[in-house]
């Protein structure tokens, strides 16, 4: 939690420096800085109310996790600490069992390739119960859907 807040503070500081640089793009940078500040504030407010939702996977996969009840049928998002080292900048994990129970079929989705950095951006993958998931460094007892996004 503390590490995540430090990262957020550094982002704000770096973005503030870019805004005050001036030039033709100064207004656009100010507007973008306001959006970034609002997003960071929203995350900080959520984490302040529910600090248990932040999980540090930096030693396992170089990511921070925002867990919104994956084990209870919700979802989870991982954020790469250094997105220059991966195409998996943001990873979404969705509990598949509630969808399977409702009749969804995932036969057409590829199975998760099984290693860090192996997902194609914006492709959903199915990971069966009991399969090893390297972003967490463990096997999951439930089926999941996963998708990585590359931020450009």
N, C-alpha and C. Protein backbone atom coordinates (compact mmCIF):
# COMPACT_ATOMS: atom_id res chain seq x y z
N UNK A 1 0.83 -1.18 0.00
CA UNK A 1 0.00 0.00 0.00
C UNK A 1 0.88 1.25 0.00
N UNK A 2 1.87 1.27 0.90
CA UNK A 2 2.76 2.42 1.00
C UNK A 2 3.52 2.63 -0.31
N UNK A 3 4.00 1.52 -0.91
CA UNK A 3 4.72 1.61 -2.18
C UNK A 3 3.84 2.16 -3.28
N UNK A 4 2.58 1.72 -3.32
CA UNK A 4 1.66 2.19 -4.34
C UNK A 4 1.40 3.68 -4.21
N UNK A 5 1.25 4.16 -2.97
CA UNK A 5 1.03 5.60 -2.76
C UNK A 5 2.26 6.41 -3.14
N UNK A 6 3.45 5.86 -2.90
CA UNK A 6 4.69 6.55 -3.30
C UNK A 6 4.74 6.65 -4.82
N UNK A 7 4.41 5.57 -5.52
CA UNK A 7 4.38 5.60 -6.99
C UNK A 7 3.40 6.65 -7.48
N UNK A 8 2.22 6.71 -6.87
CA UNK A 8 1.22 7.70 -7.27
C UNK A 8 1.74 9.12 -7.04
N UNK A 9 2.40 9.36 -5.92
CA UNK A 9 2.95 10.69 -5.63
C UNK A 9 4.01 11.07 -6.66
N UNK A 10 4.85 10.12 -7.04
CA UNK A 10 5.88 10.39 -8.05
C UNK A 10 5.26 10.71 -9.40
N UNK A 11 4.19 10.02 -9.74
CA UNK A 11 3.49 10.31 -10.99
C UNK A 11 2.96 11.74 -11.00
N UNK A 12 2.36 12.14 -9.90
CA UNK A 12 1.83 13.50 -9.80
C UNK A 12 2.96 14.51 -9.93
N UNK A 13 4.06 14.28 -9.23
CA UNK A 13 5.19 15.21 -9.27
C UNK A 13 5.77 15.32 -10.67
N UNK A 14 5.96 14.20 -11.34
CA UNK A 14 6.50 14.21 -12.69
C UNK A 14 5.58 14.89 -13.67
N UNK A 15 4.30 14.66 -13.53
CA UNK A 15 3.33 15.28 -14.43
C UNK A 15 3.26 16.78 -14.18
N UNK A 16 3.38 17.19 -12.92
CA UNK A 16 3.35 18.62 -12.61
C UNK A 16 4.51 19.35 -13.27
N UNK A 17 5.70 18.72 -13.27
CA UNK A 17 6.86 19.33 -13.92
C UNK A 17 6.60 19.52 -15.41
N UNK A 18 5.99 18.53 -16.05
CA UNK A 18 5.70 18.63 -17.48
C UNK A 18 4.72 19.76 -17.76
N UNK A 19 3.76 19.96 -16.88
CA UNK A 19 2.75 21.00 -17.07
C UNK A 19 3.38 22.39 -17.03
N UNK A 20 4.31 22.60 -16.11
CA UNK A 20 4.89 23.92 -15.95
C UNK A 20 5.99 24.21 -16.98
N UNK A 21 6.27 23.26 -17.86
CA UNK A 21 7.31 23.46 -18.87
C UNK A 21 6.92 24.53 -19.88
N UNK A 22 5.63 24.81 -20.05
CA UNK A 22 5.17 25.88 -20.95
C UNK A 22 5.13 25.42 -22.39
N UNK A 23 5.13 26.42 -23.30
CA UNK A 23 5.08 26.12 -24.73
C UNK A 23 3.66 26.02 -25.23
N UNK A 24 3.53 25.65 -26.53
CA UNK A 24 2.21 25.57 -27.17
C UNK A 24 1.30 24.55 -26.52
N UNK A 25 1.88 23.51 -25.99
CA UNK A 25 1.07 22.42 -25.45
C UNK A 25 0.77 22.58 -23.97
N UNK A 26 1.07 23.74 -23.39
CA UNK A 26 0.89 23.93 -21.96
C UNK A 26 -0.56 23.72 -21.52
N UNK A 27 -1.52 24.24 -22.27
CA UNK A 27 -2.92 24.09 -21.89
C UNK A 27 -3.36 22.63 -21.94
N UNK A 28 -2.95 21.93 -23.01
CA UNK A 28 -3.30 20.51 -23.12
C UNK A 28 -2.68 19.71 -21.97
N UNK A 29 -1.45 20.06 -21.60
CA UNK A 29 -0.80 19.37 -20.49
C UNK A 29 -1.51 19.66 -19.18
N UNK A 30 -1.97 20.89 -18.99
CA UNK A 30 -2.71 21.23 -17.77
C UNK A 30 -4.01 20.43 -17.70
N UNK A 31 -4.69 20.33 -18.82
CA UNK A 31 -5.94 19.56 -18.85
C UNK A 31 -5.68 18.09 -18.57
N UNK A 32 -4.63 17.54 -19.16
CA UNK A 32 -4.29 16.13 -18.92
C UNK A 32 -3.86 15.94 -17.47
N UNK A 33 -3.12 16.89 -16.92
CA UNK A 33 -2.69 16.79 -15.52
C UNK A 33 -3.91 16.76 -14.59
N UNK A 34 -4.93 17.53 -14.92
CA UNK A 34 -6.14 17.53 -14.10
C UNK A 34 -6.82 16.16 -14.14
N UNK A 35 -6.85 15.54 -15.31
CA UNK A 35 -7.43 14.20 -15.44
C UNK A 35 -6.62 13.18 -14.64
N UNK A 36 -5.30 13.23 -14.78
CA UNK A 36 -4.43 12.31 -14.05
C UNK A 36 -4.61 12.50 -12.55
N UNK A 37 -4.64 13.75 -12.10
CA UNK A 37 -4.82 14.02 -10.67
C UNK A 37 -6.15 13.47 -10.16
N UNK A 38 -7.21 13.61 -10.96
CA UNK A 38 -8.52 13.09 -10.56
C UNK A 38 -8.50 11.57 -10.48
N UNK A 39 -7.87 10.92 -11.46
CA UNK A 39 -7.78 9.46 -11.45
C UNK A 39 -6.98 8.97 -10.25
N UNK A 40 -5.85 9.61 -9.98
CA UNK A 40 -5.02 9.22 -8.85
C UNK A 40 -5.76 9.45 -7.55
N UNK A 41 -6.50 10.53 -7.46
CA UNK A 41 -7.30 10.80 -6.27
C UNK A 41 -8.36 9.72 -6.08
N UNK A 42 -9.00 9.29 -7.16
CA UNK A 42 -10.01 8.23 -7.06
C UNK A 42 -9.37 6.94 -6.53
N UNK A 43 -8.21 6.56 -7.07
CA UNK A 43 -7.51 5.37 -6.58
C UNK A 43 -7.12 5.55 -5.11
N UNK A 44 -6.55 6.70 -4.78
CA UNK A 44 -6.12 6.95 -3.40
C UNK A 44 -7.30 6.89 -2.43
N UNK A 45 -8.44 7.44 -2.82
CA UNK A 45 -9.63 7.39 -1.96
C UNK A 45 -10.08 5.95 -1.74
N UNK A 46 -10.11 5.18 -2.82
CA UNK A 46 -10.51 3.78 -2.71
C UNK A 46 -9.55 3.02 -1.79
N UNK A 47 -8.25 3.22 -2.01
CA UNK A 47 -7.26 2.50 -1.22
C UNK A 47 -7.26 2.94 0.24
N UNK A 48 -7.55 4.21 0.49
CA UNK A 48 -7.63 4.68 1.87
C UNK A 48 -8.79 4.00 2.61
N UNK A 49 -9.91 3.80 1.90
CA UNK A 49 -11.07 3.14 2.51
C UNK A 49 -10.92 1.63 2.58
N UNK A 50 -10.21 1.05 1.61
CA UNK A 50 -10.07 -0.41 1.51
C UNK A 50 -8.62 -0.79 1.20
N UNK A 51 -7.70 -0.56 2.14
CA UNK A 51 -6.28 -0.82 1.86
C UNK A 51 -5.98 -2.27 1.51
N UNK A 52 -6.83 -3.20 1.94
CA UNK A 52 -6.60 -4.63 1.65
C UNK A 52 -6.74 -4.95 0.16
N UNK A 53 -7.28 -4.03 -0.64
CA UNK A 53 -7.42 -4.28 -2.08
C UNK A 53 -6.11 -4.13 -2.83
N UNK A 54 -5.12 -3.51 -2.22
CA UNK A 54 -3.80 -3.34 -2.85
C UNK A 54 -2.89 -4.49 -2.44
N UNK A 55 -2.33 -5.17 -3.42
CA UNK A 55 -1.44 -6.30 -3.15
C UNK A 55 -0.15 -6.11 -3.94
N UNK A 56 0.97 -6.33 -3.30
CA UNK A 56 2.28 -6.14 -3.91
C UNK A 56 2.78 -7.47 -4.51
N UNK A 57 2.82 -7.54 -5.84
CA UNK A 57 3.37 -8.69 -6.54
C UNK A 57 4.67 -8.31 -7.24
N UNK A 58 5.35 -7.28 -6.72
CA UNK A 58 6.57 -6.78 -7.38
C UNK A 58 7.66 -7.84 -7.46
N UNK A 59 7.78 -8.67 -6.44
CA UNK A 59 8.83 -9.69 -6.46
C UNK A 59 8.44 -10.91 -7.30
N UNK A 60 7.15 -11.11 -7.51
CA UNK A 60 6.67 -12.26 -8.28
C UNK A 60 6.65 -11.94 -9.78
N UNK A 61 6.06 -10.78 -10.13
CA UNK A 61 5.86 -10.48 -11.55
C UNK A 61 6.16 -9.03 -11.92
N UNK A 62 6.63 -8.23 -10.98
CA UNK A 62 6.90 -6.83 -11.27
C UNK A 62 5.62 -6.02 -11.44
N UNK A 63 4.59 -6.39 -10.66
CA UNK A 63 3.27 -5.74 -10.79
C UNK A 63 2.69 -5.41 -9.42
N UNK A 64 1.81 -4.42 -9.43
CA UNK A 64 0.96 -4.14 -8.27
C UNK A 64 -0.45 -4.55 -8.64
N UNK A 65 -1.19 -5.00 -7.64
CA UNK A 65 -2.51 -5.58 -7.86
C UNK A 65 -3.58 -4.75 -7.17
N UNK A 66 -4.72 -4.64 -7.81
CA UNK A 66 -5.91 -3.99 -7.28
C UNK A 66 -7.00 -5.05 -7.30
N UNK A 67 -7.23 -5.72 -6.15
CA UNK A 67 -8.14 -6.87 -6.06
C UNK A 67 -9.52 -6.43 -5.63
N UNK A 68 -10.48 -6.59 -6.51
CA UNK A 68 -11.86 -6.23 -6.23
C UNK A 68 -12.72 -7.50 -6.10
N UNK A 69 -12.24 -8.41 -5.28
CA UNK A 69 -13.03 -9.59 -4.96
C UNK A 69 -12.97 -10.70 -5.99
N UNK A 70 -11.83 -10.94 -6.59
CA UNK A 70 -11.71 -12.00 -7.59
C UNK A 70 -12.19 -13.34 -7.02
N UNK A 71 -11.78 -13.66 -5.80
CA UNK A 71 -12.15 -14.93 -5.19
C UNK A 71 -13.64 -15.07 -4.89
N UNK A 72 -14.35 -13.95 -4.88
CA UNK A 72 -15.79 -13.96 -4.62
C UNK A 72 -16.59 -13.69 -5.90
N UNK A 73 -15.98 -13.91 -7.05
CA UNK A 73 -16.68 -13.73 -8.32
C UNK A 73 -16.46 -12.38 -8.96
N UNK A 74 -15.60 -11.55 -8.39
CA UNK A 74 -15.34 -10.22 -8.93
C UNK A 74 -14.20 -10.22 -9.94
N UNK A 75 -13.37 -9.19 -9.85
CA UNK A 75 -12.23 -9.12 -10.77
C UNK A 75 -11.04 -8.49 -10.08
N UNK A 76 -9.93 -8.48 -10.79
CA UNK A 76 -8.67 -7.96 -10.28
C UNK A 76 -7.92 -7.35 -11.46
N UNK A 77 -7.14 -6.33 -11.17
CA UNK A 77 -6.32 -5.70 -12.20
C UNK A 77 -4.89 -5.60 -11.70
N UNK A 78 -3.94 -5.95 -12.55
CA UNK A 78 -2.52 -5.79 -12.23
C UNK A 78 -1.96 -4.68 -13.10
N UNK A 79 -1.04 -3.92 -12.53
CA UNK A 79 -0.37 -2.83 -13.23
C UNK A 79 1.13 -3.07 -13.20
N UNK A 80 1.76 -3.09 -14.36
CA UNK A 80 3.21 -3.28 -14.44
C UNK A 80 3.90 -2.09 -13.78
N UNK A 81 4.88 -2.37 -12.94
CA UNK A 81 5.63 -1.30 -12.29
C UNK A 81 6.46 -0.56 -13.33
N UNK A 82 7.04 -1.28 -14.26
CA UNK A 82 7.81 -0.68 -15.34
C UNK A 82 7.25 -1.15 -16.68
N UNK A 83 6.29 -0.42 -17.24
CA UNK A 83 5.66 -0.87 -18.49
C UNK A 83 6.59 -0.87 -19.70
N UNK A 84 7.79 -0.31 -19.57
CA UNK A 84 8.73 -0.36 -20.70
C UNK A 84 9.35 -1.75 -20.83
N UNK A 85 9.18 -2.60 -19.82
CA UNK A 85 9.78 -3.94 -19.84
C UNK A 85 8.81 -5.04 -20.25
N UNK A 86 7.57 -4.68 -20.60
CA UNK A 86 6.57 -5.70 -20.93
C UNK A 86 5.51 -5.13 -21.86
N UNK A 87 4.83 -6.02 -22.58
CA UNK A 87 3.64 -5.63 -23.33
C UNK A 87 2.39 -5.86 -22.50
N UNK A 88 2.57 -6.37 -21.30
CA UNK A 88 1.45 -6.61 -20.39
C UNK A 88 1.40 -5.50 -19.35
N UNK A 89 1.10 -4.28 -19.82
CA UNK A 89 1.08 -3.11 -18.95
C UNK A 89 -0.02 -3.20 -17.90
N UNK A 90 -1.20 -3.59 -18.33
CA UNK A 90 -2.36 -3.74 -17.45
C UNK A 90 -2.97 -5.10 -17.74
N UNK A 91 -3.22 -5.88 -16.69
CA UNK A 91 -3.80 -7.21 -16.87
C UNK A 91 -5.10 -7.29 -16.09
N UNK A 92 -6.15 -7.69 -16.77
CA UNK A 92 -7.45 -7.88 -16.15
C UNK A 92 -7.66 -9.36 -15.88
N UNK A 93 -8.12 -9.68 -14.68
CA UNK A 93 -8.47 -11.05 -14.29
C UNK A 93 -9.94 -11.04 -13.91
N UNK A 94 -10.72 -11.93 -14.48
CA UNK A 94 -12.15 -12.01 -14.19
C UNK A 94 -12.47 -13.44 -13.77
N UNK A 95 -13.21 -13.57 -12.68
CA UNK A 95 -13.65 -14.90 -12.24
C UNK A 95 -14.59 -15.47 -13.30
N UNK A 96 -14.27 -16.64 -13.82
CA UNK A 96 -15.06 -17.22 -14.91
C UNK A 96 -16.23 -18.07 -14.42
N UNK A 97 -16.18 -18.56 -13.19
CA UNK A 97 -17.20 -19.49 -12.73
C UNK A 97 -18.62 -18.92 -12.78
N UNK A 98 -18.86 -17.67 -12.35
CA UNK A 98 -20.23 -17.15 -12.46
C UNK A 98 -20.72 -17.10 -13.90
N UNK A 99 -19.83 -16.84 -14.83
CA UNK A 99 -20.20 -16.80 -16.24
C UNK A 99 -20.46 -18.20 -16.77
N UNK A 100 -19.63 -19.16 -16.36
CA UNK A 100 -19.84 -20.56 -16.75
C UNK A 100 -21.18 -21.07 -16.20
N UNK A 101 -21.46 -20.71 -14.94
CA UNK A 101 -22.72 -21.13 -14.32
C UNK A 101 -23.93 -20.55 -15.05
N UNK A 102 -23.74 -19.40 -15.68
CA UNK A 102 -24.83 -18.75 -16.42
C UNK A 102 -24.93 -19.27 -17.85
N UNK A 103 -24.04 -20.23 -18.23
CA UNK A 103 -24.13 -20.83 -19.54
C UNK A 103 -23.11 -20.36 -20.55
N UNK A 104 -22.20 -19.48 -20.16
CA UNK A 104 -21.18 -19.00 -21.10
C UNK A 104 -20.26 -20.15 -21.51
N UNK A 105 -19.86 -20.12 -22.75
CA UNK A 105 -18.93 -21.13 -23.29
C UNK A 105 -17.64 -20.41 -23.70
N UNK A 106 -16.52 -20.91 -23.23
CA UNK A 106 -15.23 -20.29 -23.53
C UNK A 106 -14.35 -21.19 -24.39
N UNK A 107 -14.97 -22.16 -25.05
CA UNK A 107 -14.22 -23.09 -25.90
C UNK A 107 -13.45 -22.38 -27.01
N UNK A 108 -13.96 -21.25 -27.48
CA UNK A 108 -13.32 -20.52 -28.57
C UNK A 108 -12.16 -19.65 -28.14
N UNK A 109 -11.98 -19.47 -26.83
CA UNK A 109 -10.86 -18.65 -26.35
C UNK A 109 -9.60 -19.50 -26.23
N UNK A 110 -8.45 -18.90 -26.55
CA UNK A 110 -7.21 -19.65 -26.34
C UNK A 110 -6.95 -19.81 -24.84
N UNK A 111 -6.28 -20.90 -24.49
CA UNK A 111 -5.85 -21.05 -23.10
C UNK A 111 -4.66 -20.13 -22.87
N UNK A 112 -4.55 -19.64 -21.67
CA UNK A 112 -3.44 -18.78 -21.28
C UNK A 112 -2.12 -19.49 -21.60
N UNK A 113 -1.16 -18.80 -22.26
CA UNK A 113 0.11 -19.43 -22.65
C UNK A 113 0.97 -19.90 -21.48
N UNK A 114 0.79 -19.32 -20.29
CA UNK A 114 1.46 -19.85 -19.11
C UNK A 114 2.72 -19.17 -18.65
N UNK A 115 3.22 -18.16 -19.37
CA UNK A 115 4.44 -17.47 -18.94
C UNK A 115 4.22 -15.96 -18.95
N UNK A 116 5.01 -15.27 -18.14
CA UNK A 116 4.95 -13.81 -18.12
C UNK A 116 5.32 -13.27 -19.49
N UNK A 117 4.61 -12.25 -19.94
CA UNK A 117 4.92 -11.60 -21.20
C UNK A 117 4.46 -12.35 -22.44
N UNK A 118 3.69 -13.42 -22.28
CA UNK A 118 3.33 -14.25 -23.43
C UNK A 118 1.95 -13.94 -24.03
N UNK A 119 1.19 -13.05 -23.41
CA UNK A 119 -0.15 -12.76 -23.93
C UNK A 119 -0.10 -11.74 -25.06
N UNK A 120 -0.99 -11.92 -26.03
CA UNK A 120 -1.16 -10.92 -27.09
C UNK A 120 -2.04 -9.81 -26.52
N UNK A 121 -1.70 -8.55 -26.76
CA UNK A 121 -2.52 -7.46 -26.24
C UNK A 121 -3.98 -7.55 -26.69
N UNK A 122 -4.88 -7.30 -25.76
CA UNK A 122 -6.33 -7.24 -25.97
C UNK A 122 -6.98 -8.56 -26.36
N UNK A 123 -6.26 -9.65 -26.18
CA UNK A 123 -6.81 -10.99 -26.44
C UNK A 123 -7.24 -11.59 -25.09
N UNK A 124 -8.49 -12.03 -25.00
CA UNK A 124 -8.95 -12.71 -23.79
C UNK A 124 -8.45 -14.15 -23.82
N UNK A 125 -8.04 -14.64 -22.66
CA UNK A 125 -7.57 -16.01 -22.49
C UNK A 125 -8.38 -16.67 -21.38
N UNK A 126 -8.53 -17.99 -21.50
CA UNK A 126 -9.15 -18.78 -20.45
C UNK A 126 -8.06 -19.53 -19.70
N UNK A 127 -8.14 -19.53 -18.38
CA UNK A 127 -7.20 -20.31 -17.57
C UNK A 127 -8.04 -21.22 -16.68
N UNK A 128 -7.91 -22.54 -16.87
CA UNK A 128 -8.75 -23.48 -16.10
C UNK A 128 -8.35 -23.52 -14.62
N UNK A 129 -9.27 -23.97 -13.80
CA UNK A 129 -9.00 -24.16 -12.37
C UNK A 129 -7.79 -25.08 -12.21
N UNK A 130 -6.91 -24.73 -11.29
CA UNK A 130 -5.74 -25.56 -11.01
C UNK A 130 -4.53 -25.28 -11.86
N UNK A 131 -4.64 -24.40 -12.86
CA UNK A 131 -3.50 -24.07 -13.71
C UNK A 131 -2.60 -23.05 -13.00
N UNK A 132 -1.30 -23.15 -13.25
CA UNK A 132 -0.35 -22.19 -12.68
C UNK A 132 -0.52 -20.83 -13.36
N UNK A 133 -0.56 -19.78 -12.56
CA UNK A 133 -0.70 -18.42 -13.08
C UNK A 133 0.52 -17.61 -12.61
N UNK A 134 1.46 -17.27 -13.52
CA UNK A 134 2.74 -16.67 -13.13
C UNK A 134 2.66 -15.24 -12.60
N UNK A 135 1.61 -14.50 -12.91
CA UNK A 135 1.51 -13.13 -12.40
C UNK A 135 1.29 -13.13 -10.88
N UNK A 136 0.75 -14.24 -10.38
CA UNK A 136 0.55 -14.41 -8.94
C UNK A 136 1.54 -15.41 -8.35
N UNK A 137 2.18 -16.19 -9.22
CA UNK A 137 3.15 -17.18 -8.77
C UNK A 137 2.51 -18.36 -8.08
N UNK A 138 1.28 -18.70 -8.47
CA UNK A 138 0.61 -19.84 -7.83
C UNK A 138 -0.48 -20.40 -8.73
N UNK A 139 -1.03 -21.53 -8.32
CA UNK A 139 -2.17 -22.12 -9.01
C UNK A 139 -3.45 -21.53 -8.42
N UNK A 140 -4.42 -21.30 -9.28
CA UNK A 140 -5.70 -20.80 -8.81
C UNK A 140 -6.71 -21.93 -8.74
N UNK A 141 -7.53 -21.96 -7.68
CA UNK A 141 -8.51 -23.04 -7.54
C UNK A 141 -9.76 -22.85 -8.39
N UNK A 142 -9.82 -21.76 -9.11
CA UNK A 142 -11.02 -21.44 -9.89
C UNK A 142 -10.63 -21.06 -11.31
N UNK A 143 -11.54 -21.22 -12.27
CA UNK A 143 -11.25 -20.79 -13.63
C UNK A 143 -11.30 -19.26 -13.74
N UNK A 144 -10.46 -18.73 -14.63
CA UNK A 144 -10.41 -17.27 -14.81
C UNK A 144 -10.33 -16.92 -16.29
N UNK A 145 -10.71 -15.69 -16.57
CA UNK A 145 -10.48 -15.07 -17.88
C UNK A 145 -9.39 -14.02 -17.64
N UNK A 146 -8.49 -13.87 -18.60
CA UNK A 146 -7.40 -12.90 -18.48
C UNK A 146 -7.23 -12.15 -19.78
N UNK A 147 -6.84 -10.88 -19.65
CA UNK A 147 -6.54 -10.06 -20.83
C UNK A 147 -5.47 -9.06 -20.45
N UNK A 148 -4.48 -8.91 -21.30
CA UNK A 148 -3.43 -7.90 -21.09
C UNK A 148 -3.64 -6.76 -22.09
N UNK A 149 -3.34 -5.57 -21.64
CA UNK A 149 -3.41 -4.39 -22.50
C UNK A 149 -2.06 -3.70 -22.50
N UNK A 150 -1.68 -3.20 -23.65
CA UNK A 150 -0.46 -2.41 -23.78
C UNK A 150 -0.88 -0.96 -23.94
N UNK A 151 -0.38 -0.12 -23.06
CA UNK A 151 -0.71 1.31 -23.13
C UNK A 151 0.33 1.99 -24.01
N UNK A 152 -0.16 2.68 -25.03
CA UNK A 152 0.77 3.37 -25.95
C UNK A 152 0.67 4.85 -25.79
